[in-house]
Amino acid sequence: MAGHWEGDLIVGQGSRSAIGTLVDRTTRYVVLLHLADGKSSEHVRDALIEPFAGLLRDFARSLTWDQGSEMSRHDEFTAAAGGIRGGG
């Protein structure tokens, strides 16, 4: 069933850059998150909101993320995304 996403960060050399990745587990559809201003929990939260705001409810069921500190504000993302089940 589409709508269950897995997220992660790819961090560049010397931790000077980062990009977020989202992959739908069923369709393998990929969304890249531009993190030009940093990889803090605030930056990741803000970068996640836009892609999920544009998805139909059936395609935004859950988000699973590795245990990184960048998802420490997952509750704020969940509220902003209208109830998607997110977590770190």
PDB file of N, CA and C in Angstrom:
ATOM      1  N   MET A   1       0.850  -1.175   0.000  1.00  0.00           N
ATOM      2  CA  MET A   1       0.000   0.000   0.000  1.00  0.00           C
ATOM      3  C   MET A   1       0.900   1.243   0.000  1.00  0.00           C
ATOM      4  N   ALA A   2       0.690   2.087  -0.952  1.00  0.00           N
ATOM      5  CA  ALA A   2       1.477   3.319  -1.051  1.00  0.00           C
ATOM      6  C   ALA A   2       1.158   4.261   0.104  1.00  0.00           C
ATOM      7  N   GLY A   3       2.110   5.139   0.388  1.00  0.00           N
ATOM      8  CA  GLY A   3       1.904   6.143   1.427  1.00  0.00           C
ATOM      9  C   GLY A   3       2.725   5.938   2.674  1.00  0.00           C
ATOM     10  N   HIS A   4       3.522   4.888   2.702  1.00  0.00           N
ATOM     11  CA  HIS A   4       4.405   4.644   3.836  1.00  0.00           C
ATOM     12  C   HIS A   4       5.827   4.965   3.386  1.00  0.00           C
ATOM     13  N   TRP A   5       6.414   5.977   3.985  1.00  0.00           N
ATOM     14  CA  TRP A   5       7.683   6.553   3.546  1.00  0.00           C
ATOM     15  C   TRP A   5       8.812   6.228   4.504  1.00  0.00           C
ATOM     16  N   GLU A   6      10.009   6.148   3.958  1.00  0.00           N
ATOM     17  CA  GLU A   6      11.217   6.011   4.763  1.00  0.00           C
ATOM     18  C   GLU A   6      12.125   7.188   4.442  1.00  0.00           C
ATOM     19  N   GLY A   7      12.651   7.843   5.475  1.00  0.00           N
ATOM     20  CA  GLY A   7      13.492   9.021   5.279  1.00  0.00           C
ATOM     21  C   GLY A   7      14.874   8.843   5.875  1.00  0.00           C
ATOM     22  N   ASP A   8      15.805   9.593   5.322  1.00  0.00           N
ATOM     23  CA  ASP A   8      17.170   9.544   5.823  1.00  0.00           C
ATOM     24  C   ASP A   8      17.909  10.796   5.369  1.00  0.00           C
ATOM     25  N   LEU A   9      19.075  11.019   5.933  1.00  0.00           N
ATOM     26  CA  LEU A   9      19.947  12.120   5.536  1.00  0.00           C
ATOM     27  C   LEU A   9      21.186  11.559   4.853  1.00  0.00           C
ATOM     28  N   ILE A  10      21.624  12.252   3.827  1.00  0.00           N
ATOM     29  CA  ILE A  10      22.925  11.990   3.226  1.00  0.00           C
ATOM     30  C   ILE A  10      23.766  13.210   3.558  1.00  0.00           C
ATOM     31  N   VAL A  11      24.841  12.991   4.284  1.00  0.00           N
ATOM     32  CA  VAL A  11      25.683  14.100   4.745  1.00  0.00           C
ATOM     33  C   VAL A  11      26.968  14.115   3.933  1.00  0.00           C
ATOM     34  N   GLY A  12      27.315  15.299   3.439  1.00  0.00           N
ATOM     35  CA  GLY A  12      28.502  15.466   2.617  1.00  0.00           C
ATOM     36  C   GLY A  12      29.792  15.446   3.419  1.00  0.00           C
ATOM     37  N   GLN A  13      30.883  15.512   2.693  1.00  0.00           N
ATOM     38  CA  GLN A  13      32.211  15.470   3.287  1.00  0.00           C
ATOM     39  C   GLN A  13      32.377  16.592   4.313  1.00  0.00           C
ATOM     40  N   GLY A  14      32.875  16.232   5.468  1.00  0.00           N
ATOM     41  CA  GLY A  14      33.101  17.197   6.533  1.00  0.00           C
ATOM     42  C   GLY A  14      31.812  17.752   7.132  1.00  0.00           C
ATOM     43  N   SER A  15      30.692  17.105   6.873  1.00  0.00           N
ATOM     44  CA  SER A  15      29.371  17.543   7.357  1.00  0.00           C
ATOM     45  C   SER A  15      29.033  18.965   6.917  1.00  0.00           C
ATOM     46  N   ARG A  16      29.586  19.388   5.796  1.00  0.00           N
ATOM     47  CA  ARG A  16      29.329  20.756   5.331  1.00  0.00           C
ATOM     48  C   ARG A  16      28.049  20.874   4.524  1.00  0.00           C
ATOM     49  N   SER A  17      27.495  19.765   4.078  1.00  0.00           N
ATOM     50  CA  SER A  17      26.254  19.804   3.313  1.00  0.00           C
ATOM     51  C   SER A  17      25.430  18.562   3.618  1.00  0.00           C
ATOM     52  N   ALA A  18      24.140  18.638   3.318  1.00  0.00           N
ATOM     53  CA  ALA A  18      23.262  17.492   3.542  1.00  0.00           C
ATOM     54  C   ALA A  18      22.058  17.586   2.616  1.00  0.00           C
ATOM     55  N   ILE A  19      21.506  16.430   2.325  1.00  0.00           N
ATOM     56  CA  ILE A  19      20.267  16.341   1.562  1.00  0.00           C
ATOM     57  C   ILE A  19      19.413  15.273   2.225  1.00  0.00           C
ATOM     58  N   GLY A  20      18.122  15.512   2.284  1.00  0.00           N
ATOM     59  CA  GLY A  20      17.210  14.528   2.846  1.00  0.00           C
ATOM     60  C   GLY A  20      16.627  13.677   1.729  1.00  0.00           C
ATOM     61  N   THR A  21      16.375  12.428   2.031  1.00  0.00           N
ATOM     62  CA  THR A  21      15.758  11.530   1.062  1.00  0.00           C
ATOM     63  C   THR A  21      14.475  10.951   1.647  1.00  0.00           C
ATOM     64  N   LEU A  22      13.463  10.857   0.822  1.00  0.00           N
ATOM     65  CA  LEU A  22      12.214  10.193   1.179  1.00  0.00           C
ATOM     66  C   LEU A  22      11.925   9.171   0.088  1.00  0.00           C
ATOM     67  N   VAL A  23      11.631   7.942   0.483  1.00  0.00           N
ATOM     68  CA  VAL A  23      11.312   6.889  -0.478  1.00  0.00           C
ATOM     69  C   VAL A  23      10.017   6.222  -0.046  1.00  0.00           C
ATOM     70  N   ASP A  24       9.035   6.193  -0.961  1.00  0.00           N
ATOM     71  CA  ASP A  24       7.809   5.457  -0.688  1.00  0.00           C
ATOM     72  C   ASP A  24       8.142   3.968  -0.749  1.00  0.00           C
ATOM     73  N   ARG A  25       7.782   3.226   0.278  1.00  0.00           N
ATOM     74  CA  ARG A  25       8.184   1.823   0.383  1.00  0.00           C
ATOM     75  C   ARG A  25       7.550   0.927  -0.674  1.00  0.00           C
ATOM     76  N   THR A  26       6.393   1.290  -1.176  1.00  0.00           N
ATOM     77  CA  THR A  26       5.720   0.450  -2.166  1.00  0.00           C
ATOM     78  C   THR A  26       6.085   0.831  -3.585  1.00  0.00           C
ATOM     79  N   THR A  27       5.945   2.116  -3.907  1.00  0.00           N
ATOM     80  CA  THR A  27       6.160   2.560  -5.290  1.00  0.00           C
ATOM     81  C   THR A  27       7.620   2.876  -5.589  1.00  0.00           C
ATOM     82  N   ARG A  28       8.424   3.067  -4.546  1.00  0.00           N
ATOM     83  CA  ARG A  28       9.837   3.477  -4.649  1.00  0.00           C
ATOM     84  C   ARG A  28       9.975   4.886  -5.209  1.00  0.00           C
ATOM     85  N   TYR A  29       8.908   5.667  -5.168  1.00  0.00           N
ATOM     86  CA  TYR A  29       8.957   7.066  -5.567  1.00  0.00           C
ATOM     87  C   TYR A  29       9.902   7.796  -4.611  1.00  0.00           C
ATOM     88  N   VAL A  30      10.790   8.617  -5.150  1.00  0.00           N
ATOM     89  CA  VAL A  30      11.807   9.296  -4.343  1.00  0.00           C
ATOM     90  C   VAL A  30      11.570  10.802  -4.350  1.00  0.00           C
ATOM     91  N   VAL A  31      11.686  11.411  -3.180  1.00  0.00           N
ATOM     92  CA  VAL A  31      11.643  12.862  -3.024  1.00  0.00           C
ATOM     93  C   VAL A  31      12.942  13.269  -2.335  1.00  0.00           C
ATOM     94  N   LEU A  32      13.616  14.260  -2.906  1.00  0.00           N
ATOM     95  CA  LEU A  32      14.835  14.783  -2.287  1.00  0.00           C
ATOM     96  C   LEU A  32      14.512  16.089  -1.584  1.00  0.00           C
ATOM     97  N   LEU A  33      15.041  16.273  -0.399  1.00  0.00           N
ATOM     98  CA  LEU A  33      14.802  17.474   0.405  1.00  0.00           C
ATOM     99  C   LEU A  33      16.030  18.363   0.350  1.00  0.00           C
ATOM    100  N   HIS A  34      15.845  19.556  -0.144  1.00  0.00           N
ATOM    101  CA  HIS A  34      16.932  20.530  -0.227  1.00  0.00           C
ATOM    102  C   HIS A  34      17.174  21.102   1.168  1.00  0.00           C
ATOM    103  N   LEU A  35      18.367  20.939   1.686  1.00  0.00           N
ATOM    104  CA  LEU A  35      18.724  21.431   3.022  1.00  0.00           C
ATOM    105  C   LEU A  35      19.881  22.418   2.906  1.00  0.00           C
ATOM    106  N   ALA A  36      19.650  23.495   2.200  1.00  0.00           N
ATOM    107  CA  ALA A  36      20.699  24.483   1.930  1.00  0.00           C
ATOM    108  C   ALA A  36      21.165  25.211   3.187  1.00  0.00           C
ATOM    109  N   ASP A  37      20.270  25.357   4.174  1.00  0.00           N
ATOM    110  CA  ASP A  37      20.599  26.146   5.359  1.00  0.00           C
ATOM    111  C   ASP A  37      21.106  25.319   6.528  1.00  0.00           C
ATOM    112  N   GLY A  38      21.151  24.011   6.388  1.00  0.00           N
ATOM    113  CA  GLY A  38      21.650  23.171   7.469  1.00  0.00           C
ATOM    114  C   GLY A  38      20.823  21.918   7.633  1.00  0.00           C
ATOM    115  N   LYS A  39      21.246  21.078   8.582  1.00  0.00           N
ATOM    116  CA  LYS A  39      20.579  19.796   8.807  1.00  0.00           C
ATOM    117  C   LYS A  39      20.042  19.662  10.232  1.00  0.00           C
ATOM    118  N   SER A  40      19.781  20.786  10.867  1.00  0.00           N
ATOM    119  CA  SER A  40      19.230  20.755  12.221  1.00  0.00           C
ATOM    120  C   SER A  40      17.794  20.223  12.180  1.00  0.00           C
ATOM    121  N   SER A  41      17.254  19.918  13.336  1.00  0.00           N
ATOM    122  CA  SER A  41      15.883  19.411  13.398  1.00  0.00           C
ATOM    123  C   SER A  41      14.888  20.425  12.836  1.00  0.00           C
ATOM    124  N   GLU A  42      15.155  21.711  13.025  1.00  0.00           N
ATOM    125  CA  GLU A  42      14.270  22.744  12.481  1.00  0.00           C
ATOM    126  C   GLU A  42      14.315  22.755  10.957  1.00  0.00           C
ATOM    127  N   HIS A  43      15.502  22.631  10.387  1.00  0.00           N
ATOM    128  CA  HIS A  43      15.641  22.629   8.932  1.00  0.00           C
ATOM    129  C   HIS A  43      14.980  21.407   8.316  1.00  0.00           C
ATOM    130  N   VAL A  44      15.169  20.253   8.915  1.00  0.00           N
ATOM    131  CA  VAL A  44      14.560  19.030   8.392  1.00  0.00           C
ATOM    132  C   VAL A  44      13.051  19.105   8.519  1.00  0.00           C
ATOM    133  N   ARG A  45      12.546  19.544   9.659  1.00  0.00           N
ATOM    134  CA  ARG A  45      11.098  19.695   9.842  1.00  0.00           C
ATOM    135  C   ARG A  45      10.509  20.569   8.743  1.00  0.00           C
ATOM    136  N   ASP A  46      11.116  21.723   8.516  1.00  0.00           N
ATOM    137  CA  ASP A  46      10.598  22.654   7.511  1.00  0.00           C
ATOM    138  C   ASP A  46      10.670  22.068   6.106  1.00  0.00           C
ATOM    139  N   ALA A  47      11.731  21.336   5.807  1.00  0.00           N
ATOM    140  CA  ALA A  47      11.883  20.747   4.472  1.00  0.00           C
ATOM    141  C   ALA A  47      10.871  19.626   4.237  1.00  0.00           C
ATOM    142  N   LEU A  48      10.437  18.940   5.277  1.00  0.00           N
ATOM    143  CA  LEU A  48       9.481  17.849   5.142  1.00  0.00           C
ATOM    144  C   LEU A  48       8.053  18.326   4.913  1.00  0.00           C
ATOM    145  N   ILE A  49       7.717  19.467   5.436  1.00  0.00           N
ATOM    146  CA  ILE A  49       6.323  19.917   5.406  1.00  0.00           C
ATOM    147  C   ILE A  49       5.804  20.096   3.981  1.00  0.00           C
ATOM    148  N   GLU A  50       6.555  20.759   3.120  1.00  0.00           N
ATOM    149  CA  GLU A  50       6.068  21.045   1.770  1.00  0.00           C
ATOM    150  C   GLU A  50       5.754  19.792   0.950  1.00  0.00           C
ATOM    151  N   PRO A  51       6.663  18.804   0.872  1.00  0.00           N
ATOM    152  CA  PRO A  51       6.338  17.621   0.071  1.00  0.00           C
ATOM    153  C   PRO A  51       5.088  16.885   0.555  1.00  0.00           C
ATOM    154  N   PHE A  52       4.896  16.810   1.861  1.00  0.00           N
ATOM    155  CA  PHE A  52       3.740  16.099   2.383  1.00  0.00           C
ATOM    156  C   PHE A  52       2.457  16.909   2.291  1.00  0.00           C
ATOM    157  N   ALA A  53       2.564  18.223   2.276  1.00  0.00           N
ATOM    158  CA  ALA A  53       1.375  19.067   2.141  1.00  0.00           C
ATOM    159  C   ALA A  53       0.706  18.857   0.795  1.00  0.00           C
ATOM    160  N   GLY A  54       1.488  18.529  -0.235  1.00  0.00           N
ATOM    161  CA  GLY A  54       0.936  18.355  -1.571  1.00  0.00           C
ATOM    162  C   GLY A  54       0.430  16.959  -1.873  1.00  0.00           C
ATOM    163  N   LEU A  55       0.586  16.008  -0.957  1.00  0.00           N
ATOM    164  CA  LEU A  55       0.157  14.637  -1.200  1.00  0.00           C
ATOM    165  C   LEU A  55      -1.278  14.405  -0.751  1.00  0.00           C
ATOM    166  N   LEU A  56      -1.995  13.574  -1.488  1.00  0.00           N
ATOM    167  CA  LEU A  56      -3.306  13.132  -1.043  1.00  0.00           C
ATOM    168  C   LEU A  56      -3.138  12.341   0.244  1.00  0.00           C
ATOM    169  N   ARG A  57      -4.130  12.349   1.079  1.00  0.00           N
ATOM    170  CA  ARG A  57      -4.067  11.663   2.378  1.00  0.00           C
ATOM    171  C   ARG A  57      -3.661  10.195   2.229  1.00  0.00           C
ATOM    172  N   ASP A  58      -4.135   9.516   1.187  1.00  0.00           N
ATOM    173  CA  ASP A  58      -3.807   8.105   0.986  1.00  0.00           C
ATOM    174  C   ASP A  58      -2.333   7.878   0.682  1.00  0.00           C
ATOM    175  N   PHE A  59      -1.637   8.923   0.270  1.00  0.00           N
ATOM    176  CA  PHE A  59      -0.216   8.787  -0.059  1.00  0.00           C
ATOM    177  C   PHE A  59       0.682   9.396   1.009  1.00  0.00           C
ATOM    178  N   ALA A  60       0.097   9.716   2.153  1.00  0.00           N
ATOM    179  CA  ALA A  60       0.861  10.275   3.275  1.00  0.00           C
ATOM    180  C   ALA A  60       0.405   9.606   4.562  1.00  0.00           C
ATOM    181  N   ARG A  61       0.641   8.315   4.648  1.00  0.00           N
ATOM    182  CA  ARG A  61       0.166   7.545   5.799  1.00  0.00           C
ATOM    183  C   ARG A  61       1.157   7.529   6.961  1.00  0.00           C
ATOM    184  N   SER A  62       2.428   7.333   6.666  1.00  0.00           N
ATOM    185  CA  SER A  62       3.416   7.266   7.747  1.00  0.00           C
ATOM    186  C   SER A  62       4.797   7.628   7.213  1.00  0.00           C
ATOM    187  N   LEU A  63       5.665   8.013   8.133  1.00  0.00           N
ATOM    188  CA  LEU A  63       7.060   8.318   7.823  1.00  0.00           C
ATOM    189  C   LEU A  63       7.934   7.690   8.896  1.00  0.00           C
ATOM    190  N   THR A  64       8.888   6.889   8.474  1.00  0.00           N
ATOM    191  CA  THR A  64       9.851   6.275   9.381  1.00  0.00           C
ATOM    192  C   THR A  64      11.212   6.867   9.073  1.00  0.00           C
ATOM    193  N   TRP A  65      11.912   7.283  10.109  1.00  0.00           N
ATOM    194  CA  TRP A  65      13.214   7.937   9.956  1.00  0.00           C
ATOM    195  C   TRP A  65      14.189   7.258  10.902  1.00  0.00           C
ATOM    196  N   ASP A  66      15.459   7.215  10.516  1.00  0.00           N
ATOM    197  CA  ASP A  66      16.477   6.658  11.407  1.00  0.00           C
ATOM    198  C   ASP A  66      16.519   7.464  12.706  1.00  0.00           C
ATOM    199  N   GLN A  67      17.187   6.955  13.687  1.00  0.00           N
ATOM    200  CA  GLN A  67      17.231   7.547  15.024  1.00  0.00           C
ATOM    201  C   GLN A  67      18.173   8.751  15.123  1.00  0.00           C
ATOM    202  N   GLY A  68      18.100   9.676  14.199  1.00  0.00           N
ATOM    203  CA  GLY A  68      18.962  10.850  14.235  1.00  0.00           C
ATOM    204  C   GLY A  68      18.312  12.009  14.964  1.00  0.00           C
ATOM    205  N   SER A  69      19.130  12.894  15.496  1.00  0.00           N
ATOM    206  CA  SER A  69      18.608  14.060  16.216  1.00  0.00           C
ATOM    207  C   SER A  69      17.883  15.022  15.290  1.00  0.00           C
ATOM    208  N   GLU A  70      18.087  14.887  13.966  1.00  0.00           N
ATOM    209  CA  GLU A  70      17.417  15.776  13.015  1.00  0.00           C
ATOM    210  C   GLU A  70      15.896  15.600  13.030  1.00  0.00           C
ATOM    211  N   MET A  71      15.397  14.510  13.615  1.00  0.00           N
ATOM    212  CA  MET A  71      13.949  14.304  13.695  1.00  0.00           C
ATOM    213  C   MET A  71      13.405  14.544  15.101  1.00  0.00           C
ATOM    214  N   SER A  72      14.131  15.270  15.921  1.00  0.00           N
ATOM    215  CA  SER A  72      13.664  15.513  17.287  1.00  0.00           C
ATOM    216  C   SER A  72      12.418  16.389  17.322  1.00  0.00           C
ATOM    217  N   ARG A  73      12.084  17.039  16.226  1.00  0.00           N
ATOM    218  CA  ARG A  73      10.873  17.858  16.159  1.00  0.00           C
ATOM    219  C   ARG A  73       9.788  17.177  15.323  1.00  0.00           C
ATOM    220  N   HIS A  74       9.786  15.844  15.341  1.00  0.00           N
ATOM    221  CA  HIS A  74       8.819  15.107  14.534  1.00  0.00           C
ATOM    222  C   HIS A  74       7.386  15.415  14.930  1.00  0.00           C
ATOM    223  N   ASP A  75       7.135  15.714  16.201  1.00  0.00           N
ATOM    224  CA  ASP A  75       5.777  16.044  16.618  1.00  0.00           C
ATOM    225  C   ASP A  75       5.279  17.320  15.947  1.00  0.00           C
ATOM    226  N   GLU A  76       6.168  18.287  15.733  1.00  0.00           N
ATOM    227  CA  GLU A  76       5.789  19.523  15.044  1.00  0.00           C
ATOM    228  C   GLU A  76       5.513  19.250  13.566  1.00  0.00           C
ATOM    229  N   PHE A  77       6.327  18.393  12.950  1.00  0.00           N
ATOM    230  CA  PHE A  77       6.076  18.007  11.565  1.00  0.00           C
ATOM    231  C   PHE A  77       4.737  17.290  11.449  1.00  0.00           C
ATOM    232  N   THR A  78       4.464  16.360  12.376  1.00  0.00           N
ATOM    233  CA  THR A  78       3.216  15.608  12.347  1.00  0.00           C
ATOM    234  C   THR A  78       2.013  16.543  12.419  1.00  0.00           C
ATOM    235  N   ALA A  79       2.069  17.525  13.292  1.00  0.00           N
ATOM    236  CA  ALA A  79       0.976  18.484  13.418  1.00  0.00           C
ATOM    237  C   ALA A  79       0.827  19.316  12.144  1.00  0.00           C
ATOM    238  N   ALA A  80       1.928  19.779  11.595  1.00  0.00           N
ATOM    239  CA  ALA A  80       1.892  20.613  10.388  1.00  0.00           C
ATOM    240  C   ALA A  80       1.445  19.827   9.164  1.00  0.00           C
ATOM    241  N   ALA A  81       1.730  18.523   9.137  1.00  0.00           N
ATOM    242  CA  ALA A  81       1.384  17.690   7.986  1.00  0.00           C
ATOM    243  C   ALA A  81      -0.034  17.137   8.094  1.00  0.00           C
ATOM    244  N   GLY A  82      -0.757  17.553   9.098  1.00  0.00           N
ATOM    245  CA  GLY A  82      -2.154  17.133   9.215  1.00  0.00           C
ATOM    246  C   GLY A  82      -2.364  15.732   9.745  1.00  0.00           C
ATOM    247  N   GLY A  83      -1.451  15.263  10.546  1.00  0.00           N
ATOM    248  CA  GLY A  83      -1.672  14.005  11.229  1.00  0.00           C
ATOM    249  C   GLY A  83      -0.900  12.816  10.710  1.00  0.00           C
ATOM    250  N   ILE A  84      -0.055  12.986   9.715  1.00  0.00           N
ATOM    251  CA  ILE A  84       0.768  11.852   9.274  1.00  0.00           C
ATOM    252  C   ILE A  84       1.524  11.320  10.482  1.00  0.00           C
ATOM    253  N   ARG A  85       1.649  10.030  10.543  1.00  0.00           N
ATOM    254  CA  ARG A  85       2.373   9.422  11.664  1.00  0.00           C
ATOM    255  C   ARG A  85       3.855   9.474  11.375  1.00  0.00           C
ATOM    256  N   GLY A  86       4.561  10.371  12.042  1.00  0.00           N
ATOM    257  CA  GLY A  86       5.996  10.519  11.816  1.00  0.00           C
ATOM    258  C   GLY A  86       6.765  10.179  13.075  1.00  0.00           C
ATOM    259  N   GLY A  87       8.020   9.886  12.921  1.00  0.00           N
ATOM    260  CA  GLY A  87       8.813   9.591  14.107  1.00  0.00           C
ATOM    261  C   GLY A  87      10.229   9.283  13.779  1.00  0.00           C
ATOM    262  N   GLY A  88      11.049   9.306  14.814  1.00  0.00           N
ATOM    263  CA  GLY A  88      12.474   9.073  14.618  1.00  0.00           C
ATOM    264  C   GLY A  88      12.937   7.775  15.131  1.00  0.00           C
TER     265      GLY A  88
END
